[in-house]
Structure formats: structure tokens, C-alpha cells
Amino acid sequence: MQTMDAISATPQGALASPAVARNTAPILEVLKAHMPARGRVLEIAAGSGEHAVAFAGALPGLEWTPSDPSAEARASIAAWAEAAGLPNLKPPLALDVLDAAGWPEGPYAALVCINMIHISSWAATEGLMRLAGRTLPVGGLLATYGPYREAEVPLATSNAAFDESLRARDPAWGLRDREAVAAAAKAEGLALTRRVEMPANNLMLLFRRVP
């Protein structure tokens, strides 16, 4: 069994993201403070799989299941997982938040979604909230990470430039308004319970499933 720190090189067939190296520790600090000690966790849009290995390794009481709609991403997740050899890290699922027919059965103690909401359509955010509403029990956690627009906070210059670049790549992408995301969550029985400021003008928004 190896942690991310012990894996000295990118495994064959795996992808590597510089952003993961920068944001893993801050995200993990928040997860450690708010995740349950035990239970099943579903990671949405797990990308390269580096986060999944890091979080599963640091939170051994949780059964961590990464997912991604991209076959390339799932191959990368599997390569990182094989190199890590973590008993609580499950094989990646082919999950698309826009395709409810392919969603796994709950319940999950928590869902984690990092850097998806702004790099996908608004319908994907609505799908994420429906998935969370369907698979989380009362009190279950949905943790999201990324940049957001906030009415009461001036938009950082770097985030404004990032938003412009995203919309140039795909008009359906872009930074979402925090209150709009909270409203989409509320429609599916989720309440925004915590806003945590993160490095590089990102936020973690934590939602709980309410009765």
C-alpha cells in the first residue's frame, strides 16, 4: 500500500495535474474536519484520480469510489489506484451526472465534487444536486470545490480572466453564482451549511441533506 507521496513517478497510463499538487492538502484539511469517520463516499468527476488516491489514503475508514464519464479519466484513475494499492479505493465508475439511468444505488455517506461545476453545463450542476438528493441520507454531506461568483465579494482578477477563458472554450461553461448553486441544491433537499475560503480564490461549499 502506497500513498501519493510514496508514488515517485506518474504510473503508465495515468494523467497528472499540477493543480492537484497545489490543492490536495487544503481540500483534505476540510474533508478531515467534516467527513464521517466511516461510510461510503462517491467522488464525482474524479478526473486523473490523484485526489482519489490522496483522500482514500488519508481517510482509511472511508470506502472511496471515484467516478468520471470519460474513459481516459477512468483509465488514469485505475492506473493511480493500482500503483497505490489502497484497500478502501474502489474501481472507477462510468458515471455521468446528466444520465440518471446510470447512477449507482445509494446510500453514500458523502459525495465529493472537485472542479466540475464551472467546467460543465448548468444542467450538470442540476444533475449533481439530483444525484446527491437521491443517494445521500439525511445528514449526508456533499462537498464541492472550485471558484464561484458571489454577489457580496468582488470577483478576483484571476477568476474573472479564468471565467472569460472558460466561456471562450465553451459558452455553457463558466463560474457559477454561489446563490444559484445553493438554490439548485435546495430544490433537491440539500442545505448549504458551510462556506470555506480556499487558496487561489477558490471555495469549498458544504451541503447537507435535510429531512
Protein backbone atom coordinates (compact mmCIF):
# COMPACT_ATOMS: atom_id res chain seq x y z
CA MET A 1 0.00 0.00 0.00
CA GLN A 2 1.41 3.38 -1.05
CA THR A 3 0.26 6.96 -0.54
CA MET A 4 0.56 9.65 -3.21
CA ASP A 5 3.77 10.87 -1.55
CA ALA A 6 5.27 7.40 -1.91
CA ILE A 7 4.48 7.16 -5.64
CA SER A 8 7.55 8.86 -7.12
CA ALA A 9 6.52 8.85 -10.78
CA THR A 10 3.31 9.02 -12.76
CA PRO A 11 2.21 5.42 -13.43
CA GLN A 12 1.95 4.23 -17.02
CA GLY A 13 -1.43 5.21 -18.44
CA ALA A 14 -2.08 7.80 -15.74
CA LEU A 15 -2.64 11.54 -16.10
CA ALA A 16 -1.09 14.14 -13.80
CA SER A 17 -2.42 17.59 -12.96
CA PRO A 18 -0.28 20.38 -11.45
CA ALA A 19 -3.42 21.80 -9.82
CA VAL A 20 -3.87 18.61 -7.80
CA ALA A 21 -0.45 19.04 -6.20
CA ARG A 22 -1.43 22.55 -5.14
CA ASN A 23 -4.92 21.97 -3.81
CA THR A 24 -4.88 18.46 -2.33
CA ALA A 25 -3.65 19.43 1.14
CA PRO A 26 -6.10 22.34 1.66
CA ILE A 27 -9.06 20.27 0.43
CA LEU A 28 -8.06 17.32 2.59
CA GLU A 29 -7.91 19.54 5.66
CA VAL A 30 -11.56 20.49 5.16
CA LEU A 31 -12.61 16.92 4.40
CA LYS A 32 -10.93 15.61 7.54
CA ALA A 33 -12.89 18.14 9.59
CA HIS A 34 -16.30 17.35 8.12
CA MET A 35 -16.38 13.87 6.60
CA PRO A 36 -17.75 10.95 8.62
CA ALA A 37 -15.21 8.56 10.11
CA ARG A 38 -16.71 5.63 8.21
CA GLY A 39 -19.00 5.02 5.28
CA ARG A 40 -19.15 5.00 1.51
CA VAL A 41 -18.01 8.06 -0.46
CA LEU A 42 -18.71 8.76 -4.12
CA GLU A 43 -16.38 11.17 -5.93
CA ILE A 44 -17.96 12.85 -8.96
CA ALA A 45 -15.82 13.89 -11.98
CA ALA A 46 -12.70 12.42 -10.37
CA GLY A 47 -10.50 13.35 -13.33
CA SER A 48 -6.97 11.99 -13.18
CA GLY A 49 -7.61 10.05 -9.96
CA GLU A 50 -4.84 11.73 -7.97
CA HIS A 51 -7.31 13.22 -5.49
CA ALA A 52 -8.99 9.85 -5.03
CA VAL A 53 -5.69 8.20 -4.10
CA ALA A 54 -4.69 11.01 -1.76
CA PHE A 55 -8.04 11.17 0.02
CA ALA A 56 -8.56 7.42 0.29
CA GLY A 57 -5.06 7.07 1.67
CA ALA A 58 -5.60 9.78 4.28
CA LEU A 59 -9.11 8.64 5.25
CA PRO A 60 -8.80 4.85 5.59
CA GLY A 61 -12.14 4.44 7.35
CA LEU A 62 -13.98 5.53 4.21
CA GLU A 63 -14.73 3.34 1.19
CA TRP A 64 -13.86 5.71 -1.66
CA THR A 65 -15.43 5.22 -5.10
CA PRO A 66 -14.22 7.60 -7.84
CA SER A 67 -16.25 8.17 -10.98
CA ASP A 68 -15.94 10.00 -14.29
CA PRO A 69 -17.81 9.92 -17.61
CA SER A 70 -14.50 9.98 -19.52
CA ALA A 71 -12.91 6.64 -20.43
CA GLU A 72 -9.49 8.33 -20.49
CA ALA A 73 -10.04 9.65 -16.96
CA ARG A 74 -11.18 6.25 -15.71
CA ALA A 75 -8.07 4.63 -17.18
CA SER A 76 -5.94 7.18 -15.34
CA ILE A 77 -7.84 6.62 -12.09
CA ALA A 78 -7.31 2.87 -12.41
CA ALA A 79 -3.57 3.36 -13.06
CA TRP A 80 -3.12 5.55 -9.98
CA ALA A 81 -5.22 3.16 -7.89
CA GLU A 82 -3.18 0.14 -8.99
CA ALA A 83 0.06 1.92 -8.06
CA ALA A 84 -1.32 2.93 -4.66
CA GLY A 85 -2.82 -0.44 -3.75
CA LEU A 86 -5.28 1.02 -1.25
CA PRO A 87 -7.85 -1.49 0.03
CA ASN A 88 -10.53 1.18 0.51
CA LEU A 89 -10.22 2.65 -3.01
CA LYS A 90 -12.77 1.07 -5.34
CA PRO A 91 -12.63 0.78 -9.15
CA PRO A 92 -13.84 3.88 -11.01
CA LEU A 93 -17.44 4.08 -12.15
CA ALA A 94 -18.61 5.38 -15.53
CA LEU A 95 -20.97 7.99 -14.11
CA ASP A 96 -22.45 10.96 -15.95
CA VAL A 97 -24.48 13.37 -13.83
CA LEU A 98 -26.65 14.03 -16.91
CA ASP A 99 -27.65 10.37 -17.24
CA ALA A 100 -29.72 9.33 -14.22
CA ALA A 101 -30.21 5.84 -15.63
CA GLY A 102 -26.54 5.10 -14.96
CA TRP A 103 -26.38 6.40 -11.41
CA PRO A 104 -25.34 3.95 -8.67
CA GLU A 105 -27.58 2.98 -5.82
CA GLY A 106 -27.14 4.78 -2.51
CA PRO A 107 -26.89 5.48 0.20
CA TYR A 108 -23.50 7.16 0.31
CA ALA A 109 -22.33 8.91 3.45
CA ALA A 110 -20.82 11.68 1.32
CA LEU A 111 -20.35 12.91 -2.22
CA VAL A 112 -17.28 14.92 -3.27
CA CYS A 113 -17.09 17.02 -6.44
CA ILE A 114 -13.95 19.00 -7.23
CA ASN A 115 -13.59 21.46 -10.11
CA MET A 116 -16.60 20.29 -12.11
CA ILE A 117 -19.30 22.90 -11.62
CA HIS A 118 -17.52 25.63 -13.62
CA ILE A 119 -16.19 23.26 -16.32
CA SER A 120 -19.56 21.82 -17.34
CA SER A 121 -23.03 22.98 -18.28
CA TRP A 122 -25.52 24.30 -15.74
CA ALA A 123 -27.51 21.13 -16.37
CA ALA A 124 -24.55 19.19 -14.92
CA THR A 125 -24.81 21.18 -11.67
CA GLU A 126 -28.53 20.41 -11.51
CA GLY A 127 -27.75 16.75 -12.18
CA LEU A 128 -25.16 16.72 -9.40
CA MET A 129 -27.74 18.04 -6.95
CA ARG A 130 -30.35 15.49 -8.07
CA LEU A 131 -27.80 12.71 -7.64
CA ALA A 132 -26.93 13.97 -4.16
CA GLY A 133 -30.58 14.26 -3.22
CA ARG A 134 -31.18 10.70 -4.38
CA THR A 135 -28.15 8.99 -2.84
CA LEU A 136 -27.43 10.87 0.41
CA PRO A 137 -29.27 10.04 3.64
CA VAL A 138 -30.47 12.80 5.92
CA GLY A 139 -27.34 14.46 7.29
CA GLY A 140 -25.23 13.19 4.38
CA LEU A 141 -22.56 15.54 3.01
CA LEU A 142 -21.97 16.98 -0.45
CA ALA A 143 -18.60 18.75 -0.63
CA THR A 144 -17.81 20.90 -3.68
CA TYR A 145 -14.65 22.80 -4.53
CA GLY A 146 -13.89 25.47 -7.11
CA PRO A 147 -14.25 29.17 -7.94
CA TYR A 148 -17.64 30.85 -7.61
CA ARG A 149 -19.19 34.26 -8.17
CA GLU A 150 -20.56 35.89 -5.03
CA ALA A 151 -22.73 39.00 -5.00
CA GLU A 152 -21.13 40.37 -1.84
CA VAL A 153 -17.50 39.63 -2.81
CA PRO A 154 -15.68 41.41 -5.66
CA LEU A 155 -14.59 38.94 -8.31
CA ALA A 156 -10.83 38.42 -8.20
CA THR A 157 -8.99 39.48 -11.34
CA SER A 158 -7.62 35.96 -11.80
CA ASN A 159 -11.10 34.45 -11.52
CA ALA A 160 -12.53 36.96 -13.99
CA ALA A 161 -9.84 36.02 -16.51
CA PHE A 162 -10.43 32.32 -15.84
CA ASP A 163 -14.17 32.75 -16.35
CA GLU A 164 -13.55 34.52 -19.66
CA SER A 165 -11.24 31.75 -20.84
CA LEU A 166 -13.77 29.06 -19.89
CA ARG A 167 -16.59 30.76 -21.78
CA ALA A 168 -14.33 31.16 -24.80
CA ARG A 169 -13.76 27.39 -24.79
CA ASP A 170 -17.44 26.60 -24.29
CA PRO A 171 -20.23 29.17 -23.83
CA ALA A 172 -22.01 26.72 -21.49
CA TRP A 173 -19.07 26.78 -19.04
CA GLY A 174 -18.08 29.45 -16.54
CA LEU A 175 -18.06 30.42 -12.88
CA ARG A 176 -21.45 29.89 -11.25
CA ASP A 177 -23.20 32.17 -8.82
CA ARG A 178 -22.98 30.71 -5.33
CA GLU A 179 -26.60 31.51 -4.55
CA ALA A 180 -27.79 29.88 -7.77
CA VAL A 181 -25.89 26.72 -6.86
CA ALA A 182 -27.35 26.82 -3.34
CA ALA A 183 -30.84 27.22 -4.82
CA ALA A 184 -30.33 24.21 -7.11
CA ALA A 185 -29.22 22.23 -4.07
CA LYS A 186 -32.19 23.37 -2.00
CA ALA A 187 -34.56 22.16 -4.73
CA GLU A 188 -33.18 18.65 -4.15
CA GLY A 189 -33.33 18.71 -0.34
CA LEU A 190 -29.81 19.99 0.35
CA ALA A 191 -28.91 22.95 2.53
CA LEU A 192 -25.69 24.98 2.18
CA THR A 193 -24.21 24.70 5.67
CA ARG A 194 -20.65 25.96 5.32
CA ARG A 195 -18.55 28.20 3.06
CA VAL A 196 -14.79 27.74 3.42
CA GLU A 197 -12.35 30.11 1.74
CA MET A 198 -9.54 28.24 0.00
CA PRO A 199 -6.24 29.26 -1.64
CA ALA A 200 -6.19 30.86 -5.11
CA ASN A 201 -9.67 32.39 -4.71
CA ASN A 202 -11.49 29.06 -4.55
CA LEU A 203 -14.22 27.98 -2.15
CA MET A 204 -15.43 24.77 -0.61
CA LEU A 205 -19.19 24.73 -0.28
CA LEU A 206 -20.55 22.05 2.02
CA PHE A 207 -24.16 20.91 1.73
CA ARG A 208 -26.14 18.58 3.99
CA ARG A 209 -29.17 16.51 3.09
CA VAL A 210 -32.09 17.75 5.16
CA PRO A 211 -35.35 15.95 6.05
